[in-house]
Amino acid sequence: MLWITRALWFCLPASVGWALDDATKHWDRAPSITFAVMAYAAWLIGLVALLLPSAKAFTALRIVGALPIVAVVVSAFATSSIAIAIAAIHATFTTVFTLSAPVADASAQAEAYGSEIRRPLRTPPLLCAMTAVSAALIVGGLTLGPLLIASEHEIAGAFAVVMGLPIAALLMRSVHSLSRRFYVFVPAGLVISESMLLPDPVLLDSHHIHGFAPFDGDAQPDPHTTLDTRGGALVGCIAIHLTEPGVFAVRDGRKSLSMREAIVVMFTPLRPRDFLAMAAPPAAKH
């Protein structure tokens, strides 16, 4: 899957690039060149992120991954040539593959140490929507200023650069925080890193884990005995049952923490079936 995604992304200039060139051929020279440079820069960022997977690389893919589709939609307003139809199909497959679970898995695993197995957590719907908005604002903050300056709107362009760069930098940090949401199989047990709720990764010792089981999304967990780290995710929840209650530090607002006792920990791996297969005892795998 990863190599297919790399091939799809590598070929984007031949389809989406063709459509963009057709749509911008009537632009003035300066903004046309500026736009082309930024488009190729986004393509190069995505290509490097796919060739060298990591948590930061997947953050970059979250930002530029949907740009092929955006480029096709924008081009469709300016031209209706056959290039648009070809680019639309290519862009859709590329975006879906780029933001797919296998690419997310490879990016997370690249950060693992030794024999660790590291996988991402499922992103809740609300965070997905916020990420899409953040990505749009980041791209806009980085590109609007240079395009305005190239179009001879120097004052507006300078203002857009001064305002856009810090906003983009702040939002990039926010998007990257999603890459700190993962679980890791380590020799001692299971580590859950949910930076939105837990201030530090939590190690669940294998000797204190009674078992794992899928959790019915329609059921309501007992708040007095359960640590719920789903963050609004609706499907794919796994309940970790402990042999005895543990005490966990939980974020209570931006700066304060509270201690919570729980004998059940709920979390949402991106691919729950794969998690259960990896967590199964050796005898159960045969």
C-alpha atoms as a PDB file:
ATOM      1  CA  MET A   1       0.000   0.000   0.000  1.00  0.00           C
ATOM      2  CA  LEU A   2       2.771   2.463   0.885  1.00  0.00           C
ATOM      3  CA  TRP A   3       4.558   1.979  -2.442  1.00  0.00           C
ATOM      4  CA  ILE A   4       1.288   2.341  -4.354  1.00  0.00           C
ATOM      5  CA  THR A   5       0.673   5.613  -2.516  1.00  0.00           C
ATOM      6  CA  ARG A   6       4.172   6.818  -3.339  1.00  0.00           C
ATOM      7  CA  ALA A   7       3.623   6.014  -7.027  1.00  0.00           C
ATOM      8  CA  LEU A   8       0.273   7.811  -7.078  1.00  0.00           C
ATOM      9  CA  TRP A   9       1.761  10.886  -5.426  1.00  0.00           C
ATOM     10  CA  PHE A  10       4.811  10.866  -7.701  1.00  0.00           C
ATOM     11  CA  CYS A  11       2.562  10.966 -10.784  1.00  0.00           C
ATOM     12  CA  LEU A  12       0.470  13.933  -9.601  1.00  0.00           C
ATOM     13  CA  PRO A  13       2.316  16.496 -11.794  1.00  0.00           C
ATOM     14  CA  ALA A  14       1.255  14.538 -14.870  1.00  0.00           C
ATOM     15  CA  SER A  15      -2.462  14.798 -14.056  1.00  0.00           C
ATOM     16  CA  VAL A  16      -3.267  17.439 -11.443  1.00  0.00           C
ATOM     17  CA  GLY A  17      -0.301  19.504 -12.606  1.00  0.00           C
ATOM     18  CA  TRP A  18      -1.639  19.346 -16.156  1.00  0.00           C
ATOM     19  CA  ALA A  19      -5.081  20.513 -14.988  1.00  0.00           C
ATOM     20  CA  LEU A  20      -3.597  23.363 -12.955  1.00  0.00           C
ATOM     21  CA  ASP A  21      -1.451  24.466 -15.867  1.00  0.00           C
ATOM     22  CA  ASP A  22      -4.518  24.515 -18.098  1.00  0.00           C
ATOM     23  CA  ALA A  23      -6.484  26.510 -15.516  1.00  0.00           C
ATOM     24  CA  THR A  24      -3.764  29.125 -14.907  1.00  0.00           C
ATOM     25  CA  LYS A  25      -2.495  29.598 -18.451  1.00  0.00           C
ATOM     26  CA  HIS A  26      -4.268  32.965 -18.738  1.00  0.00           C
ATOM     27  CA  TRP A  27      -2.764  34.338 -15.504  1.00  0.00           C
ATOM     28  CA  ASP A  28      -0.076  36.986 -15.515  1.00  0.00           C
ATOM     29  CA  ARG A  29       3.464  35.613 -15.514  1.00  0.00           C
ATOM     30  CA  ALA A  30       4.468  36.495 -11.926  1.00  0.00           C
ATOM     31  CA  PRO A  31       1.469  34.988 -10.076  1.00  0.00           C
ATOM     32  CA  SER A  32       1.491  31.996 -12.427  1.00  0.00           C
ATOM     33  CA  ILE A  33       5.133  31.215 -11.636  1.00  0.00           C
ATOM     34  CA  THR A  34       4.587  31.840  -7.908  1.00  0.00           C
ATOM     35  CA  PHE A  35       1.603  29.495  -7.864  1.00  0.00           C
ATOM     36  CA  ALA A  36       3.515  26.815  -9.768  1.00  0.00           C
ATOM     37  CA  VAL A  37       6.469  27.019  -7.362  1.00  0.00           C
ATOM     38  CA  MET A  38       4.185  26.640  -4.339  1.00  0.00           C
ATOM     39  CA  ALA A  39       2.279  23.771  -5.961  1.00  0.00           C
ATOM     40  CA  TYR A  40       5.515  21.884  -6.660  1.00  0.00           C
ATOM     41  CA  ALA A  41       6.730  22.661  -3.130  1.00  0.00           C
ATOM     42  CA  ALA A  42       3.577  21.048  -1.681  1.00  0.00           C
ATOM     43  CA  TRP A  43       4.052  18.057  -3.989  1.00  0.00           C
ATOM     44  CA  LEU A  44       7.694  17.704  -2.927  1.00  0.00           C
ATOM     45  CA  ILE A  45       6.772  17.910   0.776  1.00  0.00           C
ATOM     46  CA  GLY A  46       4.250  15.117   0.316  1.00  0.00           C
ATOM     47  CA  LEU A  47       6.694  12.984  -1.663  1.00  0.00           C
ATOM     48  CA  VAL A  48       9.434  13.306   0.954  1.00  0.00           C
ATOM     49  CA  ALA A  49       6.922  12.562   3.735  1.00  0.00           C
ATOM     50  CA  LEU A  50       5.895   9.349   1.958  1.00  0.00           C
ATOM     51  CA  LEU A  51       9.466   8.296   1.229  1.00  0.00           C
ATOM     52  CA  LEU A  52      10.627   9.004   4.798  1.00  0.00           C
ATOM     53  CA  PRO A  53       7.653   8.136   7.038  1.00  0.00           C
ATOM     54  CA  SER A  54       7.609   9.497  10.582  1.00  0.00           C
ATOM     55  CA  ALA A  55       5.213  11.245  12.952  1.00  0.00           C
ATOM     56  CA  LYS A  56       6.213  14.648  11.578  1.00  0.00           C
ATOM     57  CA  ALA A  57       5.909  13.331   8.036  1.00  0.00           C
ATOM     58  CA  PHE A  58       2.326  12.230   8.644  1.00  0.00           C
ATOM     59  CA  THR A  59       1.581  15.657  10.104  1.00  0.00           C
ATOM     60  CA  ALA A  60       2.749  17.084   6.777  1.00  0.00           C
ATOM     61  CA  LEU A  61       0.515  14.601   4.947  1.00  0.00           C
ATOM     62  CA  ARG A  62      -2.470  15.676   7.045  1.00  0.00           C
ATOM     63  CA  ILE A  63      -1.855  19.208   5.746  1.00  0.00           C
ATOM     64  CA  VAL A  64      -1.053  18.568   2.068  1.00  0.00           C
ATOM     65  CA  GLY A  65      -2.822  15.223   1.565  1.00  0.00           C
ATOM     66  CA  ALA A  66      -6.115  16.704   0.389  1.00  0.00           C
ATOM     67  CA  LEU A  67      -4.541  19.419  -1.780  1.00  0.00           C
ATOM     68  CA  PRO A  68      -4.779  17.329  -4.992  1.00  0.00           C
ATOM     69  CA  ILE A  69      -8.571  17.272  -4.685  1.00  0.00           C
ATOM     70  CA  VAL A  70      -8.671  20.984  -3.798  1.00  0.00           C
ATOM     71  CA  ALA A  71      -6.516  21.745  -6.840  1.00  0.00           C
ATOM     72  CA  VAL A  72      -8.861  19.805  -9.115  1.00  0.00           C
ATOM     73  CA  VAL A  73     -11.942  21.562  -7.726  1.00  0.00           C
ATOM     74  CA  VAL A  74     -10.313  24.969  -8.201  1.00  0.00           C
ATOM     75  CA  SER A  75      -9.225  24.042 -11.724  1.00  0.00           C
ATOM     76  CA  ALA A  76     -12.747  22.908 -12.612  1.00  0.00           C
ATOM     77  CA  PHE A  77     -13.995  26.496 -12.209  1.00  0.00           C
ATOM     78  CA  ALA A  78     -11.531  27.679 -14.833  1.00  0.00           C
ATOM     79  CA  THR A  79     -11.580  24.873 -17.382  1.00  0.00           C
ATOM     80  CA  SER A  80     -13.617  21.814 -18.281  1.00  0.00           C
ATOM     81  CA  SER A  81     -11.113  19.919 -20.386  1.00  0.00           C
ATOM     82  CA  ILE A  82     -10.506  16.171 -20.300  1.00  0.00           C
ATOM     83  CA  ALA A  83      -7.567  16.931 -18.015  1.00  0.00           C
ATOM     84  CA  ILE A  84     -10.007  17.688 -15.193  1.00  0.00           C
ATOM     85  CA  ALA A  85     -11.694  14.286 -15.386  1.00  0.00           C
ATOM     86  CA  ILE A  86      -8.368  12.453 -15.383  1.00  0.00           C
ATOM     87  CA  ALA A  87      -6.994  14.619 -12.582  1.00  0.00           C
ATOM     88  CA  ALA A  88     -10.157  14.174 -10.476  1.00  0.00           C
ATOM     89  CA  ILE A  89      -9.881  10.374 -10.514  1.00  0.00           C
ATOM     90  CA  HIS A  90      -6.150  10.436  -9.829  1.00  0.00           C
ATOM     91  CA  ALA A  91      -6.466  13.063  -7.067  1.00  0.00           C
ATOM     92  CA  THR A  92      -9.244  11.161  -5.299  1.00  0.00           C
ATOM     93  CA  PHE A  93      -7.307   7.902  -5.180  1.00  0.00           C
ATOM     94  CA  THR A  94      -4.134   9.713  -4.137  1.00  0.00           C
ATOM     95  CA  THR A  95      -5.776  11.541  -1.243  1.00  0.00           C
ATOM     96  CA  VAL A  96      -7.594   8.433   0.002  1.00  0.00           C
ATOM     97  CA  PHE A  97      -4.399   6.360  -0.097  1.00  0.00           C
ATOM     98  CA  THR A  98      -2.248   9.119   1.409  1.00  0.00           C
ATOM     99  CA  LEU A  99      -4.468   9.522   4.473  1.00  0.00           C
ATOM    100  CA  SER A 100      -5.157   5.785   4.811  1.00  0.00           C
ATOM    101  CA  ALA A 101      -4.517   3.550   7.799  1.00  0.00           C
ATOM    102  CA  PRO A 102      -1.494   1.721   6.271  1.00  0.00           C
ATOM    103  CA  VAL A 103       0.335   5.024   5.728  1.00  0.00           C
ATOM    104  CA  ALA A 104      -0.569   6.163   9.251  1.00  0.00           C
ATOM    105  CA  ASP A 105       0.686   2.809  10.612  1.00  0.00           C
ATOM    106  CA  ALA A 106       3.988   3.087   8.744  1.00  0.00           C
ATOM    107  CA  SER A 107       4.497   6.653   9.982  1.00  0.00           C
ATOM    108  CA  ALA A 108       3.832   5.670  13.590  1.00  0.00           C
ATOM    109  CA  GLN A 109       5.993   2.539  13.419  1.00  0.00           C
ATOM    110  CA  ALA A 110       8.918   4.601  12.110  1.00  0.00           C
ATOM    111  CA  GLU A 111       9.077   6.242  15.564  1.00  0.00           C
ATOM    112  CA  ALA A 112       9.264   2.903  17.417  1.00  0.00           C
ATOM    113  CA  TYR A 113      12.347   1.652  19.236  1.00  0.00           C
ATOM    114  CA  GLY A 114      13.742  -1.843  18.811  1.00  0.00           C
ATOM    115  CA  SER A 115      11.041  -4.509  18.873  1.00  0.00           C
ATOM    116  CA  GLU A 116       8.239  -2.103  19.789  1.00  0.00           C
ATOM    117  CA  ILE A 117       5.020  -2.181  17.773  1.00  0.00           C
ATOM    118  CA  ARG A 118       3.617   1.344  17.562  1.00  0.00           C
ATOM    119  CA  ARG A 119       0.275   2.164  15.965  1.00  0.00           C
ATOM    120  CA  PRO A 120      -1.882   5.311  15.815  1.00  0.00           C
ATOM    121  CA  LEU A 121      -5.167   5.911  17.591  1.00  0.00           C
ATOM    122  CA  ARG A 122      -8.376   6.699  15.718  1.00  0.00           C
ATOM    123  CA  THR A 123      -9.002  10.426  15.274  1.00  0.00           C
ATOM    124  CA  PRO A 124     -12.458  11.432  16.593  1.00  0.00           C
ATOM    125  CA  PRO A 125     -14.852  13.049  14.057  1.00  0.00           C
ATOM    126  CA  LEU A 126     -14.667  16.481  15.691  1.00  0.00           C
ATOM    127  CA  LEU A 127     -10.863  16.457  15.556  1.00  0.00           C
ATOM    128  CA  CYS A 128     -11.007  15.334  11.911  1.00  0.00           C
ATOM    129  CA  ALA A 129     -13.155  18.358  11.094  1.00  0.00           C
ATOM    130  CA  MET A 130     -10.864  20.667  13.073  1.00  0.00           C
ATOM    131  CA  THR A 131      -7.824  19.208  11.310  1.00  0.00           C
ATOM    132  CA  ALA A 132      -9.363  19.842   7.895  1.00  0.00           C
ATOM    133  CA  VAL A 133     -10.084  23.468   8.835  1.00  0.00           C
ATOM    134  CA  SER A 134      -6.589  23.873  10.290  1.00  0.00           C
ATOM    135  CA  ALA A 135      -4.991  22.435   7.139  1.00  0.00           C
ATOM    136  CA  ALA A 136      -6.949  24.901   4.998  1.00  0.00           C
ATOM    137  CA  LEU A 137      -5.889  27.818   7.200  1.00  0.00           C
ATOM    138  CA  ILE A 138      -2.248  26.673   7.176  1.00  0.00           C
ATOM    139  CA  VAL A 139      -2.152  26.437   3.392  1.00  0.00           C
ATOM    140  CA  GLY A 140      -3.945  29.759   3.066  1.00  0.00           C
ATOM    141  CA  GLY A 141      -1.666  31.433   5.589  1.00  0.00           C
ATOM    142  CA  LEU A 142       1.451  30.287   3.716  1.00  0.00           C
ATOM    143  CA  THR A 143       0.289  30.964   0.162  1.00  0.00           C
ATOM    144  CA  LEU A 144      -2.029  33.976   0.153  1.00  0.00           C
ATOM    145  CA  GLY A 145       0.681  36.538   0.935  1.00  0.00           C
ATOM    146  CA  PRO A 146       3.130  35.507  -1.803  1.00  0.00           C
ATOM    147  CA  LEU A 147       0.327  35.330  -4.374  1.00  0.00           C
ATOM    148  CA  LEU A 148      -0.882  38.825  -3.490  1.00  0.00           C
ATOM    149  CA  ILE A 149       2.654  40.209  -3.715  1.00  0.00           C
ATOM    150  CA  ALA A 150       3.184  38.495  -7.091  1.00  0.00           C
ATOM    151  CA  SER A 151      -0.100  40.062  -8.262  1.00  0.00           C
ATOM    152  CA  GLU A 152       1.279  43.522  -7.349  1.00  0.00           C
ATOM    153  CA  HIS A 153      -0.798  43.917  -4.196  1.00  0.00           C
ATOM    154  CA  GLU A 154       2.290  44.469  -2.076  1.00  0.00           C
ATOM    155  CA  ILE A 155       0.685  46.026   1.015  1.00  0.00           C
ATOM    156  CA  ALA A 156      -2.079  43.439   1.277  1.00  0.00           C
ATOM    157  CA  GLY A 157       0.450  40.691   0.548  1.00  0.00           C
ATOM    158  CA  ALA A 158       2.853  41.876   3.232  1.00  0.00           C
ATOM    159  CA  PHE A 159       0.011  42.040   5.744  1.00  0.00           C
ATOM    160  CA  ALA A 160      -1.087  38.513   4.776  1.00  0.00           C
ATOM    161  CA  VAL A 161       2.471  37.215   5.251  1.00  0.00           C
ATOM    162  CA  VAL A 162       2.865  38.876   8.656  1.00  0.00           C
ATOM    163  CA  MET A 163      -0.471  37.506   9.848  1.00  0.00           C
ATOM    164  CA  GLY A 164      -0.393  34.178   8.038  1.00  0.00           C
ATOM    165  CA  LEU A 165       2.999  32.804   9.098  1.00  0.00           C
ATOM    166  CA  PRO A 166       2.455  32.830  12.894  1.00  0.00           C
ATOM    167  CA  ILE A 167      -1.082  31.485  12.484  1.00  0.00           C
ATOM    168  CA  ALA A 168       0.211  28.675  10.274  1.00  0.00           C
ATOM    169  CA  ALA A 169       2.995  27.851  12.761  1.00  0.00           C
ATOM    170  CA  LEU A 170       0.522  27.720  15.660  1.00  0.00           C
ATOM    171  CA  LEU A 171      -1.892  25.501  13.761  1.00  0.00           C
ATOM    172  CA  MET A 172       0.922  23.180  12.662  1.00  0.00           C
ATOM    173  CA  ARG A 173       1.690  22.498  16.327  1.00  0.00           C
ATOM    174  CA  SER A 174      -1.976  21.749  16.901  1.00  0.00           C
ATOM    175  CA  VAL A 175      -2.143  19.325  13.963  1.00  0.00           C
ATOM    176  CA  HIS A 176       1.091  17.642  15.042  1.00  0.00           C
ATOM    177  CA  SER A 177      -0.399  16.943  18.476  1.00  0.00           C
ATOM    178  CA  LEU A 178      -2.496  14.257  16.749  1.00  0.00           C
ATOM    179  CA  SER A 179       0.717  12.381  15.991  1.00  0.00           C
ATOM    180  CA  ARG A 180       1.269  12.003  19.750  1.00  0.00           C
ATOM    181  CA  ARG A 181      -1.817   9.789  19.957  1.00  0.00           C
ATOM    182  CA  PHE A 182      -0.717   6.173  19.677  1.00  0.00           C
ATOM    183  CA  TYR A 183      -0.375   2.866  21.469  1.00  0.00           C
ATOM    184  CA  VAL A 184       2.774   0.773  21.742  1.00  0.00           C
ATOM    185  CA  PHE A 185       3.347  -2.881  22.521  1.00  0.00           C
ATOM    186  CA  VAL A 186       6.497  -2.981  24.654  1.00  0.00           C
ATOM    187  CA  PRO A 187       8.099  -5.934  26.489  1.00  0.00           C
ATOM    188  CA  ALA A 188       6.583  -4.755  29.783  1.00  0.00           C
ATOM    189  CA  GLY A 189       3.041  -4.386  28.468  1.00  0.00           C
ATOM    190  CA  LEU A 190       1.036  -1.764  26.612  1.00  0.00           C
ATOM    191  CA  VAL A 191       1.667   1.988  26.456  1.00  0.00           C
ATOM    192  CA  ILE A 192      -1.167   4.369  25.610  1.00  0.00           C
ATOM    193  CA  SER A 193      -0.266   7.917  24.597  1.00  0.00           C
ATOM    194  CA  GLU A 194      -3.350  10.116  24.346  1.00  0.00           C
ATOM    195  CA  SER A 195      -1.971  13.639  24.564  1.00  0.00           C
ATOM    196  CA  MET A 196      -5.435  15.216  24.471  1.00  0.00           C
ATOM    197  CA  LEU A 197      -6.429  13.616  27.792  1.00  0.00           C
ATOM    198  CA  LEU A 198      -3.340  12.138  29.420  1.00  0.00           C
ATOM    199  CA  PRO A 199      -0.394  14.443  30.267  1.00  0.00           C
ATOM    200  CA  ASP A 200       2.063  11.557  29.882  1.00  0.00           C
ATOM    201  CA  PRO A 201       2.000   8.140  28.194  1.00  0.00           C
ATOM    202  CA  VAL A 202       0.544   5.445  30.453  1.00  0.00           C
ATOM    203  CA  LEU A 203       2.155   2.015  30.813  1.00  0.00           C
ATOM    204  CA  LEU A 204      -0.262  -0.813  31.530  1.00  0.00           C
ATOM    205  CA  ASP A 205       1.863  -3.639  32.907  1.00  0.00           C
ATOM    206  CA  SER A 206       1.112  -6.959  31.250  1.00  0.00           C
ATOM    207  CA  HIS A 207       0.818  -8.592  34.688  1.00  0.00           C
ATOM    208  CA  HIS A 208      -2.009  -6.212  35.562  1.00  0.00           C
ATOM    209  CA  ILE A 209      -3.968  -6.689  32.318  1.00  0.00           C
ATOM    210  CA  HIS A 210      -6.801  -9.193  32.670  1.00  0.00           C
ATOM    211  CA  GLY A 211      -7.882  -8.998  29.034  1.00  0.00           C
ATOM    212  CA  PHE A 212      -9.070  -6.985  26.036  1.00  0.00           C
ATOM    213  CA  ALA A 213     -12.550  -6.830  24.542  1.00  0.00           C
ATOM    214  CA  PRO A 214     -14.419  -4.721  21.974  1.00  0.00           C
ATOM    215  CA  PHE A 215     -16.731  -2.188  23.584  1.00  0.00           C
ATOM    216  CA  ASP A 216     -20.255  -1.528  22.357  1.00  0.00           C
ATOM    217  CA  GLY A 217     -20.344   2.100  21.262  1.00  0.00           C
ATOM    218  CA  ASP A 218     -23.985   2.455  22.366  1.00  0.00           C
ATOM    219  CA  ALA A 219     -23.263   1.396  25.943  1.00  0.00           C
ATOM    220  CA  GLN A 220     -22.404   3.905  28.641  1.00  0.00           C
ATOM    221  CA  PRO A 221     -19.205   3.168  30.619  1.00  0.00           C
ATOM    222  CA  ASP A 222     -19.246   3.538  34.386  1.00  0.00           C
ATOM    223  CA  PRO A 223     -17.411   6.848  35.044  1.00  0.00           C
ATOM    224  CA  HIS A 224     -16.408   5.668  38.519  1.00  0.00           C
ATOM    225  CA  THR A 225     -14.512   2.594  37.325  1.00  0.00           C
ATOM    226  CA  THR A 226     -13.578   3.467  33.715  1.00  0.00           C
ATOM    227  CA  LEU A 227     -10.923   5.702  32.179  1.00  0.00           C
ATOM    228  CA  ASP A 228     -12.428   6.722  28.840  1.00  0.00           C
ATOM    229  CA  THR A 229      -9.825   8.037  26.381  1.00  0.00           C
ATOM    230  CA  ARG A 230     -11.995   7.808  23.239  1.00  0.00           C
ATOM    231  CA  GLY A 231     -12.236  11.584  22.893  1.00  0.00           C
ATOM    232  CA  GLY A 232     -15.485  11.329  20.957  1.00  0.00           C
ATOM    233  CA  ALA A 233     -14.537   8.475  18.614  1.00  0.00           C
ATOM    234  CA  LEU A 234     -17.720   6.567  17.795  1.00  0.00           C
ATOM    235  CA  VAL A 235     -16.478   3.167  16.635  1.00  0.00           C
ATOM    236  CA  GLY A 236     -13.597   0.761  17.143  1.00  0.00           C
ATOM    237  CA  CYS A 237     -13.337   1.059  20.924  1.00  0.00           C
ATOM    238  CA  ILE A 238     -11.366  -1.514  22.918  1.00  0.00           C
ATOM    239  CA  ALA A 239     -11.840  -1.990  26.658  1.00  0.00           C
ATOM    240  CA  ILE A 240      -8.763  -3.029  28.632  1.00  0.00           C
ATOM    241  CA  HIS A 241      -9.758  -4.833  31.828  1.00  0.00           C
ATOM    242  CA  LEU A 242      -7.203  -4.658  34.638  1.00  0.00           C
ATOM    243  CA  THR A 243      -6.729  -7.134  37.454  1.00  0.00           C
ATOM    244  CA  GLU A 244      -6.845  -4.316  40.009  1.00  0.00           C
ATOM    245  CA  PRO A 245      -7.689  -0.602  39.909  1.00  0.00           C
ATOM    246  CA  GLY A 246      -4.987   1.802  38.795  1.00  0.00           C
ATOM    247  CA  VAL A 247      -4.626   5.519  39.423  1.00  0.00           C
ATOM    248  CA  PHE A 248      -4.195   7.760  36.376  1.00  0.00           C
ATOM    249  CA  ALA A 249      -3.384  11.448  35.936  1.00  0.00           C
ATOM    250  CA  VAL A 250      -5.944  13.060  33.634  1.00  0.00           C
ATOM    251  CA  ARG A 251      -6.051  16.541  32.141  1.00  0.00           C
ATOM    252  CA  ASP A 252      -8.710  18.699  33.761  1.00  0.00           C
ATOM    253  CA  GLY A 253      -8.635  21.789  31.578  1.00  0.00           C
ATOM    254  CA  ARG A 254      -5.522  23.210  29.934  1.00  0.00           C
ATOM    255  CA  LYS A 255      -3.264  23.513  32.977  1.00  0.00           C
ATOM    256  CA  SER A 256      -4.768  21.449  35.785  1.00  0.00           C
ATOM    257  CA  LEU A 257      -4.716  17.706  36.397  1.00  0.00           C
ATOM    258  CA  SER A 258      -6.873  15.327  38.388  1.00  0.00           C
ATOM    259  CA  MET A 259      -6.253  11.791  39.585  1.00  0.00           C
ATOM    260  CA  ARG A 260      -8.715   9.102  38.575  1.00  0.00           C
ATOM    261  CA  GLU A 261      -8.995   5.482  39.686  1.00  0.00           C
ATOM    262  CA  ALA A 262     -10.097   2.941  37.101  1.00  0.00           C
ATOM    263  CA  ILE A 263     -10.138  -0.789  36.546  1.00  0.00           C
ATOM    264  CA  VAL A 264     -11.163  -0.468  32.879  1.00  0.00           C
ATOM    265  CA  VAL A 265      -9.316   1.652  30.302  1.00  0.00           C
ATOM    266  CA  MET A 266     -11.070   2.430  27.024  1.00  0.00           C
ATOM    267  CA  PHE A 267      -9.225   3.536  23.887  1.00  0.00           C
ATOM    268  CA  THR A 268      -9.702   3.506  20.121  1.00  0.00           C
ATOM    269  CA  PRO A 269      -6.923   2.003  17.996  1.00  0.00           C
ATOM    270  CA  LEU A 270      -7.122   2.961  14.349  1.00  0.00           C
ATOM    271  CA  ARG A 271      -7.506  -0.699  13.376  1.00  0.00           C
ATOM    272  CA  PRO A 272      -9.066  -2.542  16.335  1.00  0.00           C
ATOM    273  CA  ARG A 273      -9.023  -5.973  14.685  1.00  0.00           C
ATOM    274  CA  ASP A 274      -5.291  -5.737  14.118  1.00  0.00           C
ATOM    275  CA  PHE A 275      -4.839  -4.674  17.733  1.00  0.00           C
ATOM    276  CA  LEU A 276      -6.802  -7.654  19.049  1.00  0.00           C
ATOM    277  CA  ALA A 277      -4.819  -9.990  16.778  1.00  0.00           C
ATOM    278  CA  MET A 278      -1.507  -8.618  18.062  1.00  0.00           C
ATOM    279  CA  ALA A 279      -2.704  -8.641  21.696  1.00  0.00           C
ATOM    280  CA  ALA A 280      -3.938 -12.250  21.572  1.00  0.00           C
ATOM    281  CA  PRO A 281      -1.921 -14.759  23.626  1.00  0.00           C
ATOM    282  CA  PRO A 282       0.560 -16.811  21.534  1.00  0.00           C
ATOM    283  CA  ALA A 283      -1.552 -19.969  21.904  1.00  0.00           C
ATOM    284  CA  ALA A 284      -4.631 -18.183  20.567  1.00  0.00           C
ATOM    285  CA  LYS A 285      -2.827 -17.095  17.398  1.00  0.00           C
ATOM    286  CA  HIS A 286      -2.322 -20.650  16.158  1.00  0.00           C
END
